Amino acid sequence: MQADTPIIPLPRLDEEPTFNEAWQAQVLAIAQNLIATGAIAADDWSNALGAALCELQVDAKSDTVENYYQAALNTLETLLQANCGISKDVMDQCKSDWTRAYETTPHGQPVKLQ
């Protein structure tokens, strides 16, 4: 896969959408952006995501949208740590900040980090 080739999930055999929510697809958009800018290699992404999905099969986890999303998210986080110098502590803090912002934002209002 070349850097300018967009990552497009293959259609599922049952013709259901790859993700339940549009925001879940952002994990692929972020990965594509990182590949396009050279932050991660397309082969690294492909191999790591493939390994994560194979792990799900070995662990006898079902082929669900949530499991696919979690495999893609975990792969992205792992590659960010390995290739971009972003520590797990920094990612955990960002997740915590976003969770707190989301939980304290009134319904219908945009979520803003403090």
C-alpha atoms as a PDB file:
ATOM      1  CA  MET A   1       0.000   0.000   0.000  1.00  0.00           C
ATOM      2  CA  GLN A   2       1.342   3.409  -0.910  1.00  0.00           C
ATOM      3  CA  ALA A   3       1.027   6.479   1.292  1.00  0.00           C
ATOM      4  CA  ASP A   4      -1.464   8.138  -1.049  1.00  0.00           C
ATOM      5  CA  THR A   5      -3.760   5.103  -1.146  1.00  0.00           C
ATOM      6  CA  PRO A   6      -6.686   5.663   1.216  1.00  0.00           C
ATOM      7  CA  ILE A   7      -7.448   3.001   3.801  1.00  0.00           C
ATOM      8  CA  ILE A   8     -10.903   1.720   2.991  1.00  0.00           C
ATOM      9  CA  PRO A   9     -12.345  -1.112   5.054  1.00  0.00           C
ATOM     10  CA  LEU A  10     -13.506  -4.051   2.991  1.00  0.00           C
ATOM     11  CA  PRO A  11     -17.258  -4.548   2.956  1.00  0.00           C
ATOM     12  CA  ARG A  12     -18.403  -7.163   5.394  1.00  0.00           C
ATOM     13  CA  LEU A  13     -19.789 -10.396   3.997  1.00  0.00           C
ATOM     14  CA  ASP A  14     -23.087  -9.834   5.802  1.00  0.00           C
ATOM     15  CA  GLU A  15     -23.362  -6.403   4.135  1.00  0.00           C
ATOM     16  CA  GLU A  16     -23.539  -4.632   7.493  1.00  0.00           C
ATOM     17  CA  PRO A  17     -21.543  -1.408   7.923  1.00  0.00           C
ATOM     18  CA  THR A  18     -17.963  -1.769   9.128  1.00  0.00           C
ATOM     19  CA  PHE A  19     -18.667   0.540  12.071  1.00  0.00           C
ATOM     20  CA  ASN A  20     -21.777   1.298  14.121  1.00  0.00           C
ATOM     21  CA  GLU A  21     -20.992   5.011  14.431  1.00  0.00           C
ATOM     22  CA  ALA A  22     -19.284   7.487  12.112  1.00  0.00           C
ATOM     23  CA  TRP A  23     -16.867   8.509  14.883  1.00  0.00           C
ATOM     24  CA  GLN A  24     -15.560   4.929  15.012  1.00  0.00           C
ATOM     25  CA  ALA A  25     -14.342   5.266  11.421  1.00  0.00           C
ATOM     26  CA  GLN A  26     -12.115   8.149  12.507  1.00  0.00           C
ATOM     27  CA  VAL A  27      -9.536   5.620  13.686  1.00  0.00           C
ATOM     28  CA  LEU A  28      -8.969   4.736  10.005  1.00  0.00           C
ATOM     29  CA  ALA A  29      -8.894   8.398   9.006  1.00  0.00           C
ATOM     30  CA  ILE A  30      -6.254   9.126  11.647  1.00  0.00           C
ATOM     31  CA  ALA A  31      -4.207   6.139  10.507  1.00  0.00           C
ATOM     32  CA  GLN A  32      -4.472   7.301   6.893  1.00  0.00           C
ATOM     33  CA  ASN A  33      -3.328  10.795   7.861  1.00  0.00           C
ATOM     34  CA  LEU A  34      -0.343   9.398   9.777  1.00  0.00           C
ATOM     35  CA  ILE A  35       0.580   7.246   6.772  1.00  0.00           C
ATOM     36  CA  ALA A  36       0.195  10.167   4.353  1.00  0.00           C
ATOM     37  CA  THR A  37       2.479  12.352   6.470  1.00  0.00           C
ATOM     38  CA  GLY A  38       5.058   9.596   6.906  1.00  0.00           C
ATOM     39  CA  ALA A  39       4.587   9.299  10.663  1.00  0.00           C
ATOM     40  CA  ILE A  40       3.868   5.590  10.274  1.00  0.00           C
ATOM     41  CA  ALA A  41       4.461   3.244   7.362  1.00  0.00           C
ATOM     42  CA  ALA A  42       1.508   1.708   5.555  1.00  0.00           C
ATOM     43  CA  ASP A  43       3.106  -1.730   5.875  1.00  0.00           C
ATOM     44  CA  ASP A  44       3.485  -1.253   9.639  1.00  0.00           C
ATOM     45  CA  TRP A  45      -0.194  -0.333   9.937  1.00  0.00           C
ATOM     46  CA  SER A  46      -1.336  -3.199   7.749  1.00  0.00           C
ATOM     47  CA  ASN A  47       0.817  -5.803   9.497  1.00  0.00           C
ATOM     48  CA  ALA A  48      -0.043  -4.598  13.004  1.00  0.00           C
ATOM     49  CA  LEU A  49      -3.785  -4.411  12.323  1.00  0.00           C
ATOM     50  CA  GLY A  50      -3.705  -7.839  10.691  1.00  0.00           C
ATOM     51  CA  ALA A  51      -1.909  -9.267  13.728  1.00  0.00           C
ATOM     52  CA  ALA A  52      -4.424  -7.655  16.094  1.00  0.00           C
ATOM     53  CA  LEU A  53      -7.340  -9.120  14.131  1.00  0.00           C
ATOM     54  CA  CYS A  54      -5.686 -12.558  14.076  1.00  0.00           C
ATOM     55  CA  GLU A  55      -5.283 -12.300  17.851  1.00  0.00           C
ATOM     56  CA  LEU A  56      -9.033 -11.862  18.152  1.00  0.00           C
ATOM     57  CA  GLN A  57      -9.544 -15.085  16.215  1.00  0.00           C
ATOM     58  CA  VAL A  58      -7.026 -16.953  18.371  1.00  0.00           C
ATOM     59  CA  ASP A  59      -8.759 -15.644  21.490  1.00  0.00           C
ATOM     60  CA  ALA A  60     -12.065 -16.881  20.003  1.00  0.00           C
ATOM     61  CA  LYS A  61     -13.581 -13.415  20.121  1.00  0.00           C
ATOM     62  CA  SER A  62     -16.480 -12.874  17.794  1.00  0.00           C
ATOM     63  CA  ASP A  63     -16.207 -10.874  14.591  1.00  0.00           C
ATOM     64  CA  THR A  64     -18.095  -7.785  15.703  1.00  0.00           C
ATOM     65  CA  VAL A  65     -17.956  -4.125  14.815  1.00  0.00           C
ATOM     66  CA  GLU A  66     -16.827  -3.304  18.362  1.00  0.00           C
ATOM     67  CA  ASN A  67     -13.991  -5.849  18.243  1.00  0.00           C
ATOM     68  CA  TYR A  68     -12.814  -4.502  14.857  1.00  0.00           C
ATOM     69  CA  TYR A  69     -12.874  -0.950  16.210  1.00  0.00           C
ATOM     70  CA  GLN A  70     -10.970  -1.963  19.366  1.00  0.00           C
ATOM     71  CA  ALA A  71      -8.353  -3.817  17.293  1.00  0.00           C
ATOM     72  CA  ALA A  72      -7.892  -0.763  15.041  1.00  0.00           C
ATOM     73  CA  LEU A  73      -7.722   1.633  18.014  1.00  0.00           C
ATOM     74  CA  ASN A  74      -5.233  -0.555  19.903  1.00  0.00           C
ATOM     75  CA  THR A  75      -3.107  -0.856  16.758  1.00  0.00           C
ATOM     76  CA  LEU A  76      -3.112   2.898  16.267  1.00  0.00           C
ATOM     77  CA  GLU A  77      -2.149   3.537  19.892  1.00  0.00           C
ATOM     78  CA  THR A  78       0.653   0.972  19.717  1.00  0.00           C
ATOM     79  CA  LEU A  79       2.078   2.506  16.548  1.00  0.00           C
ATOM     80  CA  LEU A  80       1.837   6.020  17.987  1.00  0.00           C
ATOM     81  CA  GLN A  81       3.848   4.894  20.992  1.00  0.00           C
ATOM     82  CA  ALA A  82       6.426   3.077  18.865  1.00  0.00           C
ATOM     83  CA  ASN A  83       6.826   5.564  16.018  1.00  0.00           C
ATOM     84  CA  CYS A  84       5.752   8.976  17.242  1.00  0.00           C
ATOM     85  CA  GLY A  85       7.134   9.127  20.768  1.00  0.00           C
ATOM     86  CA  ILE A  86       3.748   9.454  22.414  1.00  0.00           C
ATOM     87  CA  SER A  87       3.815   7.632  25.740  1.00  0.00           C
ATOM     88  CA  LYS A  88       1.008   5.532  27.165  1.00  0.00           C
ATOM     89  CA  ASP A  89       0.831   7.971  30.097  1.00  0.00           C
ATOM     90  CA  VAL A  90       0.213  10.903  27.740  1.00  0.00           C
ATOM     91  CA  MET A  91      -2.477   8.951  25.861  1.00  0.00           C
ATOM     92  CA  ASP A  92      -4.130   7.902  29.123  1.00  0.00           C
ATOM     93  CA  GLN A  93      -4.151  11.526  30.319  1.00  0.00           C
ATOM     94  CA  CYS A  94      -5.691  12.708  27.036  1.00  0.00           C
ATOM     95  CA  LYS A  95      -8.390  10.028  27.278  1.00  0.00           C
ATOM     96  CA  SER A  96      -9.100  11.064  30.851  1.00  0.00           C
ATOM     97  CA  ASP A  97      -9.312  14.755  29.882  1.00  0.00           C
ATOM     98  CA  TRP A  98     -11.716  14.001  27.007  1.00  0.00           C
ATOM     99  CA  THR A  99     -13.849  11.729  29.191  1.00  0.00           C
ATOM    100  CA  ARG A 100     -14.111  14.406  31.874  1.00  0.00           C
ATOM    101  CA  ALA A 101     -14.962  17.064  29.264  1.00  0.00           C
ATOM    102  CA  TYR A 102     -17.578  14.829  27.655  1.00  0.00           C
ATOM    103  CA  GLU A 103     -19.188  13.903  30.951  1.00  0.00           C
ATOM    104  CA  THR A 104     -19.405  17.521  32.118  1.00  0.00           C
ATOM    105  CA  THR A 105     -20.660  19.026  28.858  1.00  0.00           C
ATOM    106  CA  PRO A 106     -24.409  19.714  28.722  1.00  0.00           C
ATOM    107  CA  HIS A 107     -26.299  17.661  26.151  1.00  0.00           C
ATOM    108  CA  GLY A 108     -26.263  19.261  22.714  1.00  0.00           C
ATOM    109  CA  GLN A 109     -23.265  21.480  23.438  1.00  0.00           C
ATOM    110  CA  PRO A 110     -19.848  21.029  21.812  1.00  0.00           C
ATOM    111  CA  VAL A 111     -17.307  19.208  23.954  1.00  0.00           C
ATOM    112  CA  LYS A 112     -14.393  21.482  24.860  1.00  0.00           C
ATOM    113  CA  LEU A 113     -11.195  20.576  26.643  1.00  0.00           C
ATOM    114  CA  GLN A 114     -10.226  22.892  29.472  1.00  0.00           C
END
